[in-house]
């Protein structure tokens, strides 16, 4: 289970670093390193050597990981960058469940 307030497929904005101001969708979360991979952010290249004779080398483009502390969630309801709050709510079966909410518009995120 992900202990962070950002989940896969959330839209996030980069708040610091070389891609500051850009937004993208979260593709992967790396909890061990406290990083995540965002689509179109921190683009890196890997130079691959030719494997067979006569084949050409190539440059492979991929999205590198970025620290979780350098991104902020973009609220799907109001569209603004906001911090994420957590609160307990009761479900239909009177069971307590944790839900994420936007700190600016107070709407439930999922």
PDB file of N, CA and C in Angstrom:
ATOM      1  N   UNK A   1       0.843  -1.192   0.000  1.00  0.00           N
ATOM      2  CA  UNK A   1       0.000   0.000   0.000  1.00  0.00           C
ATOM      3  C   UNK A   1       0.880   1.245   0.000  1.00  0.00           C
ATOM      4  N   UNK A   2       0.467   2.216  -0.750  1.00  0.00           N
ATOM      5  CA  UNK A   2       1.186   3.475  -0.877  1.00  0.00           C
ATOM      6  C   UNK A   2       0.897   4.348   0.345  1.00  0.00           C
ATOM      7  N   UNK A   3       1.948   4.784   1.041  1.00  0.00           N
ATOM      8  CA  UNK A   3       1.752   5.603   2.234  1.00  0.00           C
ATOM      9  C   UNK A   3       1.723   7.095   1.917  1.00  0.00           C
ATOM     10  N   UNK A   4       1.941   7.450   0.635  1.00  0.00           N
ATOM     11  CA  UNK A   4       1.959   8.842   0.242  1.00  0.00           C
ATOM     12  C   UNK A   4       0.570   9.302  -0.185  1.00  0.00           C
ATOM     13  N   UNK A   5       0.363  10.600  -0.192  1.00  0.00           N
ATOM     14  CA  UNK A   5      -0.940  11.160  -0.530  1.00  0.00           C
ATOM     15  C   UNK A   5      -1.159  11.288  -2.023  1.00  0.00           C
ATOM     16  N   UNK A   6      -0.139  10.952  -2.806  1.00  0.00           N
ATOM     17  CA  UNK A   6      -0.246  10.979  -4.260  1.00  0.00           C
ATOM     18  C   UNK A   6      -0.290   9.544  -4.755  1.00  0.00           C
ATOM     19  N   UNK A   7      -1.203   9.267  -5.697  1.00  0.00           N
ATOM     20  CA  UNK A   7      -1.370   7.919  -6.217  1.00  0.00           C
ATOM     21  C   UNK A   7      -1.112   7.901  -7.722  1.00  0.00           C
ATOM     22  N   UNK A   8      -1.007   6.694  -8.289  1.00  0.00           N
ATOM     23  CA  UNK A   8      -0.822   6.525  -9.725  1.00  0.00           C
ATOM     24  C   UNK A   8      -2.046   7.102 -10.450  1.00  0.00           C
ATOM     25  N   UNK A   9      -1.829   7.730 -11.593  1.00  0.00           N
ATOM     26  CA  UNK A   9      -2.835   8.385 -12.441  1.00  0.00           C
ATOM     27  C   UNK A   9      -3.302   9.736 -11.916  1.00  0.00           C
ATOM     28  N   UNK A  10      -2.747  10.234 -10.819  1.00  0.00           N
ATOM     29  CA  UNK A  10      -3.047  11.588 -10.357  1.00  0.00           C
ATOM     30  C   UNK A  10      -2.319  12.581 -11.258  1.00  0.00           C
ATOM     31  N   UNK A  11      -2.894  13.769 -11.418  1.00  0.00           N
ATOM     32  CA  UNK A  11      -2.226  14.834 -12.158  1.00  0.00           C
ATOM     33  C   UNK A  11      -1.473  15.679 -11.148  1.00  0.00           C
ATOM     34  N   UNK A  12      -0.175  15.869 -11.392  1.00  0.00           N
ATOM     35  CA  UNK A  12       0.664  16.634 -10.468  1.00  0.00           C
ATOM     36  C   UNK A  12       1.390  17.750 -11.214  1.00  0.00           C
ATOM     37  N   UNK A  13       1.787  18.788 -10.464  1.00  0.00           N
ATOM     38  CA  UNK A  13       2.581  19.887 -10.992  1.00  0.00           C
ATOM     39  C   UNK A  13       3.926  19.867 -10.289  1.00  0.00           C
ATOM     40  N   UNK A  14       4.982  20.164 -11.032  1.00  0.00           N
ATOM     41  CA  UNK A  14       6.329  20.188 -10.462  1.00  0.00           C
ATOM     42  C   UNK A  14       6.538  21.551  -9.813  1.00  0.00           C
ATOM     43  N   UNK A  15       6.929  21.551  -8.525  1.00  0.00           N
ATOM     44  CA  UNK A  15       7.087  22.800  -7.778  1.00  0.00           C
ATOM     45  C   UNK A  15       8.532  23.265  -7.692  1.00  0.00           C
ATOM     46  N   UNK A  16       9.501  22.395  -7.996  1.00  0.00           N
ATOM     47  CA  UNK A  16      10.899  22.818  -8.005  1.00  0.00           C
ATOM     48  C   UNK A  16      11.720  21.883  -8.884  1.00  0.00           C
ATOM     49  N   UNK A  17      12.850  22.405  -9.359  1.00  0.00           N
ATOM     50  CA  UNK A  17      13.723  21.622 -10.219  1.00  0.00           C
ATOM     51  C   UNK A  17      13.723  22.153 -11.635  1.00  0.00           C
ATOM     52  N   UNK A  18      14.343  21.420 -12.545  1.00  0.00           N
ATOM     53  CA  UNK A  18      14.490  21.892 -13.922  1.00  0.00           C
ATOM     54  C   UNK A  18      13.177  21.938 -14.684  1.00  0.00           C
ATOM     55  N   UNK A  19      12.178  21.172 -14.264  1.00  0.00           N
ATOM     56  CA  UNK A  19      10.876  21.147 -14.933  1.00  0.00           C
ATOM     57  C   UNK A  19       9.803  21.906 -14.150  1.00  0.00           C
ATOM     58  N   UNK A  20      10.200  22.886 -13.357  1.00  0.00           N
ATOM     59  CA  UNK A  20       9.269  23.648 -12.520  1.00  0.00           C
ATOM     60  C   UNK A  20       8.162  24.268 -13.373  1.00  0.00           C
ATOM     61  N   UNK A  21       6.908  24.087 -12.923  1.00  0.00           N
ATOM     62  CA  UNK A  21       5.762  24.651 -13.626  1.00  0.00           C
ATOM     63  C   UNK A  21       5.069  23.679 -14.568  1.00  0.00           C
ATOM     64  N   UNK A  22       5.717  22.588 -14.939  1.00  0.00           N
ATOM     65  CA  UNK A  22       5.116  21.608 -15.842  1.00  0.00           C
ATOM     66  C   UNK A  22       4.173  20.692 -15.070  1.00  0.00           C
ATOM     67  N   UNK A  23       3.193  20.133 -15.776  1.00  0.00           N
ATOM     68  CA  UNK A  23       2.266  19.187 -15.161  1.00  0.00           C
ATOM     69  C   UNK A  23       2.298  17.882 -15.941  1.00  0.00           C
ATOM     70  N   UNK A  24       1.912  16.806 -15.275  1.00  0.00           N
ATOM     71  CA  UNK A  24       1.880  15.504 -15.920  1.00  0.00           C
ATOM     72  C   UNK A  24       1.178  14.480 -15.049  1.00  0.00           C
ATOM     73  N   UNK A  25       0.954  13.307 -15.624  1.00  0.00           N
ATOM     74  CA  UNK A  25       0.277  12.214 -14.938  1.00  0.00           C
ATOM     75  C   UNK A  25       1.302  11.297 -14.293  1.00  0.00           C
ATOM     76  N   UNK A  26       1.032  10.845 -13.072  1.00  0.00           N
ATOM     77  CA  UNK A  26       1.935   9.939 -12.359  1.00  0.00           C
ATOM     78  C   UNK A  26       1.834   8.550 -12.985  1.00  0.00           C
ATOM     79  N   UNK A  27       2.972   8.026 -13.442  1.00  0.00           N
ATOM     80  CA  UNK A  27       3.013   6.703 -14.064  1.00  0.00           C
ATOM     81  C   UNK A  27       3.376   5.604 -13.077  1.00  0.00           C
ATOM     82  N   UNK A  28       4.283   5.932 -12.142  1.00  0.00           N
ATOM     83  CA  UNK A  28       4.805   4.908 -11.238  1.00  0.00           C
ATOM     84  C   UNK A  28       5.272   5.573  -9.953  1.00  0.00           C
ATOM     85  N   UNK A  29       5.128   4.875  -8.837  1.00  0.00           N
ATOM     86  CA  UNK A  29       5.618   5.366  -7.549  1.00  0.00           C
ATOM     87  C   UNK A  29       6.684   4.395  -7.056  1.00  0.00           C
ATOM     88  N   UNK A  30       7.838   4.950  -6.640  1.00  0.00           N
ATOM     89  CA  UNK A  30       8.947   4.153  -6.114  1.00  0.00           C
ATOM     90  C   UNK A  30       9.079   4.466  -4.628  1.00  0.00           C
ATOM     91  N   UNK A  31       8.332   3.767  -3.756  1.00  0.00           N
ATOM     92  CA  UNK A  31       8.298   4.112  -2.333  1.00  0.00           C
ATOM     93  C   UNK A  31       9.625   3.937  -1.607  1.00  0.00           C
ATOM     94  N   UNK A  32      10.477   3.010  -2.072  1.00  0.00           N
ATOM     95  CA  UNK A  32      11.760   2.780  -1.411  1.00  0.00           C
ATOM     96  C   UNK A  32      12.661   4.009  -1.521  1.00  0.00           C
ATOM     97  N   UNK A  33      12.611   4.675  -2.689  1.00  0.00           N
ATOM     98  CA  UNK A  33      13.462   5.831  -2.932  1.00  0.00           C
ATOM     99  C   UNK A  33      12.747   7.155  -2.684  1.00  0.00           C
ATOM    100  N   UNK A  34      11.464   7.116  -2.294  1.00  0.00           N
ATOM    101  CA  UNK A  34      10.636   8.314  -2.091  1.00  0.00           C
ATOM    102  C   UNK A  34      10.593   9.161  -3.353  1.00  0.00           C
ATOM    103  N   UNK A  35      10.400   8.493  -4.493  1.00  0.00           N
ATOM    104  CA  UNK A  35      10.356   9.164  -5.789  1.00  0.00           C
ATOM    105  C   UNK A  35       9.180   8.649  -6.593  1.00  0.00           C
ATOM    106  N   UNK A  36       8.849   9.384  -7.646  1.00  0.00           N
ATOM    107  CA  UNK A  36       7.816   8.940  -8.560  1.00  0.00           C
ATOM    108  C   UNK A  36       8.182   9.325  -9.979  1.00  0.00           C
ATOM    109  N   UNK A  37       7.581   8.624 -10.941  1.00  0.00           N
ATOM    110  CA  UNK A  37       7.833   8.861 -12.351  1.00  0.00           C
ATOM    111  C   UNK A  37       6.601   9.558 -12.919  1.00  0.00           C
ATOM    112  N   UNK A  38       6.827  10.729 -13.537  1.00  0.00           N
ATOM    113  CA  UNK A  38       5.736  11.530 -14.089  1.00  0.00           C
ATOM    114  C   UNK A  38       5.924  11.628 -15.597  1.00  0.00           C
ATOM    115  N   UNK A  39       4.819  11.498 -16.331  1.00  0.00           N
ATOM    116  CA  UNK A  39       4.841  11.531 -17.788  1.00  0.00           C
ATOM    117  C   UNK A  39       5.323  12.886 -18.303  1.00  0.00           C
ATOM    118  N   UNK A  40       6.390  12.881 -19.096  1.00  0.00           N
ATOM    119  CA  UNK A  40       6.914  14.102 -19.708  1.00  0.00           C
ATOM    120  C   UNK A  40       7.805  14.947 -18.816  1.00  0.00           C
ATOM    121  N   UNK A  41       8.087  14.491 -17.600  1.00  0.00           N
ATOM    122  CA  UNK A  41       8.904  15.235 -16.644  1.00  0.00           C
ATOM    123  C   UNK A  41      10.227  14.492 -16.444  1.00  0.00           C
ATOM    124  N   UNK A  42      11.331  15.238 -16.313  1.00  0.00           N
ATOM    125  CA  UNK A  42      12.662  14.690 -16.097  1.00  0.00           C
ATOM    126  C   UNK A  42      13.037  13.687 -17.194  1.00  0.00           C
ATOM    127  N   UNK A  43      12.905  14.138 -18.442  1.00  0.00           N
ATOM    128  CA  UNK A  43      13.200  13.280 -19.595  1.00  0.00           C
ATOM    129  C   UNK A  43      14.707  13.040 -19.663  1.00  0.00           C
ATOM    130  N   UNK A  44      15.081  11.769 -19.783  1.00  0.00           N
ATOM    131  CA  UNK A  44      16.482  11.369 -19.839  1.00  0.00           C
ATOM    132  C   UNK A  44      16.709  10.524 -21.085  1.00  0.00           C
ATOM    133  N   UNK A  45      17.982  10.402 -21.464  1.00  0.00           N
ATOM    134  CA  UNK A  45      18.352   9.596 -22.619  1.00  0.00           C
ATOM    135  C   UNK A  45      19.369   8.553 -22.194  1.00  0.00           C
ATOM    136  N   UNK A  46      19.225   7.354 -22.761  1.00  0.00           N
ATOM    137  CA  UNK A  46      20.194   6.291 -22.536  1.00  0.00           C
ATOM    138  C   UNK A  46      20.781   5.932 -23.903  1.00  0.00           C
ATOM    139  N   UNK A  47      22.094   5.966 -24.011  1.00  0.00           N
ATOM    140  CA  UNK A  47      22.768   5.663 -25.265  1.00  0.00           C
ATOM    141  C   UNK A  47      23.048   4.170 -25.329  1.00  0.00           C
ATOM    142  N   UNK A  48      22.466   3.510 -26.305  1.00  0.00           N
ATOM    143  CA  UNK A  48      22.599   2.058 -26.456  1.00  0.00           C
ATOM    144  C   UNK A  48      23.617   1.750 -27.552  1.00  0.00           C
ATOM    145  N   UNK A  49      24.533   0.853 -27.253  1.00  0.00           N
ATOM    146  CA  UNK A  49      25.533   0.428 -28.234  1.00  0.00           C
ATOM    147  C   UNK A  49      24.894  -0.569 -29.199  1.00  0.00           C
ATOM    148  N   UNK A  50      25.444  -0.673 -30.411  1.00  0.00           N
ATOM    149  CA  UNK A  50      24.905  -1.669 -31.346  1.00  0.00           C
ATOM    150  C   UNK A  50      25.184  -3.082 -30.829  1.00  0.00           C
ATOM    151  N   UNK A  51      24.213  -3.976 -30.951  1.00  0.00           N
ATOM    152  CA  UNK A  51      24.364  -5.337 -30.454  1.00  0.00           C
ATOM    153  C   UNK A  51      24.907  -6.290 -31.527  1.00  0.00           C
ATOM    154  N   UNK A  52      24.522  -6.040 -32.779  1.00  0.00           N
ATOM    155  CA  UNK A  52      24.960  -6.920 -33.871  1.00  0.00           C
ATOM    156  C   UNK A  52      25.831  -6.131 -34.846  1.00  0.00           C
ATOM    157  N   UNK A  53      26.599  -6.827 -35.612  1.00  0.00           N
ATOM    158  CA  UNK A  53      27.450  -6.174 -36.597  1.00  0.00           C
ATOM    159  C   UNK A  53      26.576  -5.527 -37.677  1.00  0.00           C
ATOM    160  N   UNK A  54      26.891  -4.289 -38.024  1.00  0.00           N
ATOM    161  CA  UNK A  54      26.124  -3.575 -39.036  1.00  0.00           C
ATOM    162  C   UNK A  54      24.930  -2.802 -38.474  1.00  0.00           C
ATOM    163  N   UNK A  55      24.596  -3.052 -37.239  1.00  0.00           N
ATOM    164  CA  UNK A  55      23.472  -2.359 -36.600  1.00  0.00           C
ATOM    165  C   UNK A  55      23.950  -1.001 -36.079  1.00  0.00           C
ATOM    166  N   UNK A  56      23.056  -0.024 -36.022  1.00  0.00           N
ATOM    167  CA  UNK A  56      23.415   1.296 -35.533  1.00  0.00           C
ATOM    168  C   UNK A  56      23.088   1.410 -34.041  1.00  0.00           C
ATOM    169  N   UNK A  57      23.854   2.244 -33.357  1.00  0.00           N
ATOM    170  CA  UNK A  57      23.528   2.557 -31.970  1.00  0.00           C
ATOM    171  C   UNK A  57      22.325   3.486 -31.935  1.00  0.00           C
ATOM    172  N   UNK A  58      21.731   3.643 -30.769  1.00  0.00           N
ATOM    173  CA  UNK A  58      20.547   4.494 -30.684  1.00  0.00           C
ATOM    174  C   UNK A  58      20.454   5.191 -29.337  1.00  0.00           C
ATOM    175  N   UNK A  59      19.638   6.234 -29.300  1.00  0.00           N
ATOM    176  CA  UNK A  59      19.358   6.964 -28.070  1.00  0.00           C
ATOM    177  C   UNK A  59      17.940   6.639 -27.640  1.00  0.00           C
ATOM    178  N   UNK A  60      17.772   6.079 -26.456  1.00  0.00           N
ATOM    179  CA  UNK A  60      16.453   5.719 -25.943  1.00  0.00           C
ATOM    180  C   UNK A  60      16.033   6.792 -24.945  1.00  0.00           C
ATOM    181  N   UNK A  61      14.837   7.328 -25.145  1.00  0.00           N
ATOM    182  CA  UNK A  61      14.315   8.378 -24.267  1.00  0.00           C
ATOM    183  C   UNK A  61      13.390   7.752 -23.226  1.00  0.00           C
ATOM    184  N   UNK A  62      13.522   8.194 -21.945  1.00  0.00           N
ATOM    185  CA  UNK A  62      12.649   7.692 -20.886  1.00  0.00           C
ATOM    186  C   UNK A  62      12.460   8.770 -19.832  1.00  0.00           C
ATOM    187  N   UNK A  63      11.427   8.608 -19.003  1.00  0.00           N
ATOM    188  CA  UNK A  63      11.139   9.544 -17.917  1.00  0.00           C
ATOM    189  C   UNK A  63      11.847   9.073 -16.659  1.00  0.00           C
ATOM    190  N   UNK A  64      12.720   9.910 -16.123  1.00  0.00           N
ATOM    191  CA  UNK A  64      13.434   9.577 -14.896  1.00  0.00           C
ATOM    192  C   UNK A  64      12.587   9.886 -13.677  1.00  0.00           C
ATOM    193  N   UNK A  65      12.932   9.321 -12.529  1.00  0.00           N
ATOM    194  CA  UNK A  65      12.168   9.587 -11.314  1.00  0.00           C
ATOM    195  C   UNK A  65      12.455  10.977 -10.753  1.00  0.00           C
ATOM    196  N   UNK A  66      11.477  11.523 -10.033  1.00  0.00           N
ATOM    197  CA  UNK A  66      11.583  12.833  -9.400  1.00  0.00           C
ATOM    198  C   UNK A  66      11.139  12.667  -7.951  1.00  0.00           C
ATOM    199  N   UNK A  67      11.723  13.440  -7.049  1.00  0.00           N
ATOM    200  CA  UNK A  67      11.395  13.334  -5.620  1.00  0.00           C
ATOM    201  C   UNK A  67       9.929  13.718  -5.377  1.00  0.00           C
ATOM    202  N   UNK A  68       9.276  12.997  -4.490  1.00  0.00           N
ATOM    203  CA  UNK A  68       7.868  13.259  -4.169  1.00  0.00           C
ATOM    204  C   UNK A  68       7.697  14.653  -3.577  1.00  0.00           C
ATOM    205  N   UNK A  69       8.709  15.136  -2.857  1.00  0.00           N
ATOM    206  CA  UNK A  69       8.621  16.459  -2.242  1.00  0.00           C
ATOM    207  C   UNK A  69       8.640  17.593  -3.257  1.00  0.00           C
ATOM    208  N   UNK A  70       9.018  17.306  -4.505  1.00  0.00           N
ATOM    209  CA  UNK A  70       9.101  18.333  -5.543  1.00  0.00           C
ATOM    210  C   UNK A  70       7.842  18.438  -6.393  1.00  0.00           C
ATOM    211  N   UNK A  71       6.780  17.717  -6.040  1.00  0.00           N
ATOM    212  CA  UNK A  71       5.532  17.800  -6.800  1.00  0.00           C
ATOM    213  C   UNK A  71       4.373  18.130  -5.871  1.00  0.00           C
ATOM    214  N   UNK A  72       3.317  18.685  -6.450  1.00  0.00           N
ATOM    215  CA  UNK A  72       2.097  18.990  -5.710  1.00  0.00           C
ATOM    216  C   UNK A  72       0.905  18.544  -6.559  1.00  0.00           C
ATOM    217  N   UNK A  73      -0.119  18.048  -5.914  1.00  0.00           N
ATOM    218  CA  UNK A  73      -1.288  17.527  -6.611  1.00  0.00           C
ATOM    219  C   UNK A  73      -2.087  18.652  -7.254  1.00  0.00           C
ATOM    220  N   UNK A  74      -2.596  18.403  -8.465  1.00  0.00           N
ATOM    221  CA  UNK A  74      -3.524  19.319  -9.123  1.00  0.00           C
ATOM    222  C   UNK A  74      -4.913  18.736  -8.895  1.00  0.00           C
ATOM    223  N   UNK A  75      -5.770  19.502  -8.227  1.00  0.00           N
ATOM    224  CA  UNK A  75      -7.113  19.024  -7.882  1.00  0.00           C
ATOM    225  C   UNK A  75      -7.933  18.777  -9.146  1.00  0.00           C
ATOM    226  N   UNK A  76      -8.544  17.583  -9.287  1.00  0.00           N
ATOM    227  CA  UNK A  76      -9.353  17.309 -10.474  1.00  0.00           C
ATOM    228  C   UNK A  76     -10.656  18.104 -10.509  1.00  0.00           C
ATOM    229  N   UNK A  77     -11.121  18.577  -9.363  1.00  0.00           N
ATOM    230  CA  UNK A  77     -12.391  19.326  -9.311  1.00  0.00           C
ATOM    231  C   UNK A  77     -12.201  20.808  -9.630  1.00  0.00           C
ATOM    232  N   UNK A  78     -11.269  21.480  -8.904  1.00  0.00           N
ATOM    233  CA  UNK A  78     -11.087  22.925  -9.087  1.00  0.00           C
ATOM    234  C   UNK A  78      -9.926  23.265 -10.007  1.00  0.00           C
ATOM    235  N   UNK A  79      -9.052  22.312 -10.301  1.00  0.00           N
ATOM    236  CA  UNK A  79      -7.956  22.533 -11.233  1.00  0.00           C
ATOM    237  C   UNK A  79      -6.784  23.326 -10.681  1.00  0.00           C
ATOM    238  N   UNK A  80      -6.768  23.589  -9.373  1.00  0.00           N
ATOM    239  CA  UNK A  80      -5.675  24.357  -8.773  1.00  0.00           C
ATOM    240  C   UNK A  80      -4.703  23.423  -8.067  1.00  0.00           C
ATOM    241  N   UNK A  81      -3.454  23.890  -7.926  1.00  0.00           N
ATOM    242  CA  UNK A  81      -2.464  23.141  -7.160  1.00  0.00           C
ATOM    243  C   UNK A  81      -2.859  23.235  -5.694  1.00  0.00           C
ATOM    244  N   UNK A  82      -2.950  22.107  -5.016  1.00  0.00           N
ATOM    245  CA  UNK A  82      -3.318  22.161  -3.602  1.00  0.00           C
ATOM    246  C   UNK A  82      -2.728  20.977  -2.858  1.00  0.00           C
ATOM    247  N   UNK A  83      -2.602  21.179  -1.562  1.00  0.00           N
ATOM    248  CA  UNK A  83      -2.155  20.088  -0.712  1.00  0.00           C
ATOM    249  C   UNK A  83      -3.314  19.110  -0.534  1.00  0.00           C
ATOM    250  N   UNK A  84      -2.978  17.915  -0.100  1.00  0.00           N
ATOM    251  CA  UNK A  84      -3.981  16.868   0.066  1.00  0.00           C
ATOM    252  C   UNK A  84      -4.235  16.657   1.544  1.00  0.00           C
ATOM    253  N   UNK A  85      -5.498  16.621   1.921  1.00  0.00           N
ATOM    254  CA  UNK A  85      -5.879  16.330   3.297  1.00  0.00           C
ATOM    255  C   UNK A  85      -6.435  14.925   3.380  1.00  0.00           C
ATOM    256  N   UNK A  86      -6.391  14.351   4.573  1.00  0.00           N
ATOM    257  CA  UNK A  86      -6.946  13.019   4.800  1.00  0.00           C
ATOM    258  C   UNK A  86      -7.960  13.124   5.927  1.00  0.00           C
ATOM    259  N   UNK A  87      -9.090  12.445   5.766  1.00  0.00           N
ATOM    260  CA  UNK A  87     -10.085  12.420   6.834  1.00  0.00           C
ATOM    261  C   UNK A  87     -10.795  11.076   6.839  1.00  0.00           C
ATOM    262  N   UNK A  88     -11.356  10.740   7.981  1.00  0.00           N
ATOM    263  CA  UNK A  88     -12.114   9.501   8.128  1.00  0.00           C
ATOM    264  C   UNK A  88     -13.571   9.777   7.813  1.00  0.00           C
ATOM    265  N   UNK A  89     -14.176   8.903   7.034  1.00  0.00           N
ATOM    266  CA  UNK A  89     -15.584   9.021   6.703  1.00  0.00           C
ATOM    267  C   UNK A  89     -16.218   7.651   6.863  1.00  0.00           C
ATOM    268  N   UNK A  90     -17.503   7.636   7.114  1.00  0.00           N
ATOM    269  CA  UNK A  90     -18.188   6.355   7.268  1.00  0.00           C
ATOM    270  C   UNK A  90     -18.832   5.971   5.941  1.00  0.00           C
ATOM    271  N   UNK A  91     -18.710   4.708   5.587  1.00  0.00           N
ATOM    272  CA  UNK A  91     -19.270   4.215   4.330  1.00  0.00           C
ATOM    273  C   UNK A  91     -20.701   3.745   4.565  1.00  0.00           C
ATOM    274  N   UNK A  92     -21.303   3.156   3.539  1.00  0.00           N
ATOM    275  CA  UNK A  92     -22.695   2.695   3.626  1.00  0.00           C
ATOM    276  C   UNK A  92     -22.856   1.581   4.663  1.00  0.00           C
ATOM    277  N   UNK A  93     -21.792   0.833   4.920  1.00  0.00           N
ATOM    278  CA  UNK A  93     -21.858  -0.266   5.887  1.00  0.00           C
ATOM    279  C   UNK A  93     -21.357   0.157   7.269  1.00  0.00           C
ATOM    280  N   UNK A  94     -21.367   1.470   7.552  1.00  0.00           N
ATOM    281  CA  UNK A  94     -20.886   2.031   8.821  1.00  0.00           C
ATOM    282  C   UNK A  94     -19.449   1.644   9.125  1.00  0.00           C
ATOM    283  N   UNK A  95     -18.657   1.525   8.090  1.00  0.00           N
ATOM    284  CA  UNK A  95     -17.247   1.207   8.242  1.00  0.00           C
ATOM    285  C   UNK A  95     -16.454   2.482   8.001  1.00  0.00           C
ATOM    286  N   UNK A  96     -15.458   2.752   8.823  1.00  0.00           N
ATOM    287  CA  UNK A  96     -14.637   3.953   8.677  1.00  0.00           C
ATOM    288  C   UNK A  96     -13.643   3.756   7.538  1.00  0.00           C
ATOM    289  N   UNK A  97     -13.630   4.700   6.610  1.00  0.00           N
ATOM    290  CA  UNK A  97     -12.673   4.648   5.507  1.00  0.00           C
ATOM    291  C   UNK A  97     -11.942   5.989   5.428  1.00  0.00           C
ATOM    292  N   UNK A  98     -10.670   5.930   4.978  1.00  0.00           N
ATOM    293  CA  UNK A  98      -9.872   7.135   4.800  1.00  0.00           C
ATOM    294  C   UNK A  98     -10.138   7.678   3.413  1.00  0.00           C
ATOM    295  N   UNK A  99     -10.317   8.998   3.312  1.00  0.00           N
ATOM    296  CA  UNK A  99     -10.500   9.595   2.003  1.00  0.00           C
ATOM    297  C   UNK A  99      -9.616  10.826   1.851  1.00  0.00           C
ATOM    298  N   UNK A 100      -9.173  11.055   0.612  1.00  0.00           N
ATOM    299  CA  UNK A 100      -8.349  12.226   0.331  1.00  0.00           C
ATOM    300  C   UNK A 100      -9.256  13.374  -0.090  1.00  0.00           C
ATOM    301  N   UNK A 101      -8.889  14.598   0.308  1.00  0.00           N
ATOM    302  CA  UNK A 101      -9.672  15.749  -0.130  1.00  0.00           C
ATOM    303  C   UNK A 101      -8.758  16.925  -0.429  1.00  0.00           C
ATOM    304  N   UNK A 102      -9.250  17.816  -1.277  1.00  0.00           N
ATOM    305  CA  UNK A 102      -8.515  19.021  -1.671  1.00  0.00           C
ATOM    306  C   UNK A 102      -8.621  20.027  -0.539  1.00  0.00           C
ATOM    307  N   UNK A 103      -7.483  20.623  -0.157  1.00  0.00           N
ATOM    308  CA  UNK A 103      -7.485  21.590   0.937  1.00  0.00           C
ATOM    309  C   UNK A 103      -8.074  22.935   0.522  1.00  0.00           C
ATOM    310  N   UNK A 104      -8.204  23.190  -0.787  1.00  0.00           N
ATOM    311  CA  UNK A 104      -8.726  24.479  -1.229  1.00  0.00           C
ATOM    312  C   UNK A 104     -10.241  24.451  -1.442  1.00  0.00           C
ATOM    313  N   UNK A 105     -10.742  23.447  -2.160  1.00  0.00           N
ATOM    314  CA  UNK A 105     -12.193  23.414  -2.440  1.00  0.00           C
ATOM    315  C   UNK A 105     -12.944  22.426  -1.547  1.00  0.00           C
ATOM    316  N   UNK A 106     -12.234  21.675  -0.709  1.00  0.00           N
ATOM    317  CA  UNK A 106     -12.799  20.711   0.244  1.00  0.00           C
ATOM    318  C   UNK A 106     -13.564  19.562  -0.395  1.00  0.00           C
ATOM    319  N   UNK A 107     -13.346  19.321  -1.699  1.00  0.00           N
ATOM    320  CA  UNK A 107     -14.005  18.223  -2.401  1.00  0.00           C
ATOM    321  C   UNK A 107     -13.189  16.938  -2.259  1.00  0.00           C
ATOM    322  N   UNK A 108     -13.869  15.799  -2.266  1.00  0.00           N
ATOM    323  CA  UNK A 108     -13.212  14.499  -2.175  1.00  0.00           C
ATOM    324  C   UNK A 108     -12.526  14.199  -3.502  1.00  0.00           C
ATOM    325  N   UNK A 109     -11.284  13.725  -3.446  1.00  0.00           N
ATOM    326  CA  UNK A 109     -10.510  13.499  -4.660  1.00  0.00           C
ATOM    327  C   UNK A 109     -10.880  12.168  -5.317  1.00  0.00           C
ATOM    328  N   UNK A 110     -11.010  11.084  -4.538  1.00  0.00           N
ATOM    329  CA  UNK A 110     -11.453   9.830  -5.177  1.00  0.00           C
ATOM    330  C   UNK A 110     -12.527   9.142  -4.420  1.00  0.00           C
TER     331      UNK A 110
END
